[in-house]
Amino acid sequence: MKVALVAAPYDTATFRIGENLGVKYLSASLNRAGVPNDVFEPALLGIDDHALVSDLMAGHYDVIGFSVMFDSALPRTTSLIAALRRSGCSAHITMGGHVPTFNDVGILQQSTGLDSVVRFEGEETLVELVSCLDRNVAWTAIKGLSFRSGEQVAANPPRPLIADLDSIPFPVRDETSRHLGDPHFFVITTRGCPFTCTFCSIPAFYKTPSGLAWRARSVANVLEELNHLRSAWGARTISFLDDEFLVGRNGKKRAVELADEMRLRDMQMTWAFECRADDVSSTLFARLRDGGLRHVFIGVESGVQRVLDMFDKRTTVTQNEAAIEIVRELKISLSVGFIMFDPFVTCAELMENIEFLARFEIGSYKSVTNRVLVYRGTRLEEQLDSEGILLRDGLSLDYCFTDQKIDFVYRTALAELKPFYRLNVEQLRAEYRADNAVAREPANDERTAVAQTGREVNSSLLQEFREIVRFAESAESGDAVATRKFTLNLRERINDCVSFWLVRYSELSGQSERR
């Protein structure tokens, strides 16, 4: 029995670029069960669909599993499955992840080449499925599995959540594990989140099966994985990708214990995590910084209170501001989760958001073009459906902006500001070099130069976004000729700006190497 695990291709300019730890955990679980398997990360390795199908066919796999993280990846994934069947693939093809979990019926009805869907946590379900197929015994009673049964789709009861996360083997690592090619690795130390943000599928994913919605690995288990990454892969930086790293008193206590141990063991590793604005305190974050914390991603989501309330964030703009100020005072690198567009947003609110980002000198291509997505199983889906503005197109859920001007702003920003994404990637590379210049005397000067460059790039980005909003509100926006002229001028300015800053990043890279 031979298995292929495929991270479904996705747009790396729209979503976070980096390895899919979900398939890496599945691979490790199969390895422990003695099942040979290969992992494919086409989005990170630049493998096109034709080449991927050829590779999968050449591997003569008995089971092929697709991990789908984003709704937008579904059409391409179902096309890949159809192409495999046309090529004569007889493998059992399954699919898993958040998106298939809440779309199992529709996916199985539409993708006739798909045999099953693994719902919720997949490690135990996939191993059991492969075992049944290998022994040629019935697999249709497996918990957590959906499949076609005649003309209907059968969905078995969900498997209980894995209670002891320490029992799961560490994820497999390969050439895609180095984030942006640096000795920078992703690690997950907890699963789940107790909060109920309306746009997020995590609450339903972890609260539908029985078990604790938030579970944590022991500090000892996490340290064991970090030591492995350092010794086997030369890891110097870790990004903890937990859905919520600092849950309650226990989560914060655990984070302090981890930071203290990393400092006492002199692990010489910097690290980052994601949290909510109301998790941030000066005392806690100073302690974590002393243990190697160098970067924090805060899910502020918006600088507009209406939006925070609509998303049920249970935070305020004032709390967002206070959290950012604390992190800045502690000289910890910062990025934010930000949702610029929602169905009801107005041009005035877009400008309010831009001024929020400008005031704190943060922002990126993704933050100014991020549009709230509607995932099945979320409260946002229910809300938009009840208000009659939810659009259903096959497996896809969408909506139209209630203000037509917003549609112009969104489409223009998404297309014309995209060159800034390249600058944002260069900024990440520069920050990594600066944050890890531990042994170099001029490291602080380098960090200052990198930070200043990032601020100036983002200032240019935000100014161009302002211009798009202003044009959308002007009388000229309804004129095709004026719109084309505006777009061409915008494109020319952006190309000149990006060319200038790429030279600057090249200079920063050269200075870093000489040091």
Foldseek 3Di string as FASTA:
>chain_A
DEEEEEAQADDCLQDPDADDLLVLLLCQLCVVVVHHYYYYYCNLVVQDLVNVLVVVVVVLGQEYEYEYEDPVSLVVVLVSLVVNVVVPRPHAYEYEYLQCQQCVFLSCLVRVSHFKYQAFRPNVLVNQQVVCVVVVHDNVQGARMWGDDDNGIDHHHHDADDAAPLPRDRGDDDPRQAVVNHLEGEDEFKAADPDAFQLDQRCVSQVRHDDDRIDGHALVSVVVVVVCSCVVPVHAEYEHEYPAQQPPPVSLVRLLVNLVVLLVVVVNHAYEYEHELVSADLVSVLSSVSSHYAEYEYAPAFCDQVVCVNRVVVDHNVSVVVSLVSCVVSNHHYAYRYALAEQEDDLVRNVSRLVSCLVSLYDALNRSQHHRAHGRNGNVQVVCVVVPFWDDDRSGIDGHRPDVLVVQLNVLSNPQVSLRSVVVVLLVVQCVLLSSPVPDPCSVVSNVLSSVLSSVSVVVSSVLSNVSSVCSPDPCVVPPVSVVVVSVVSNVVNVVVSVVSVVVSVVSVVVSVVD
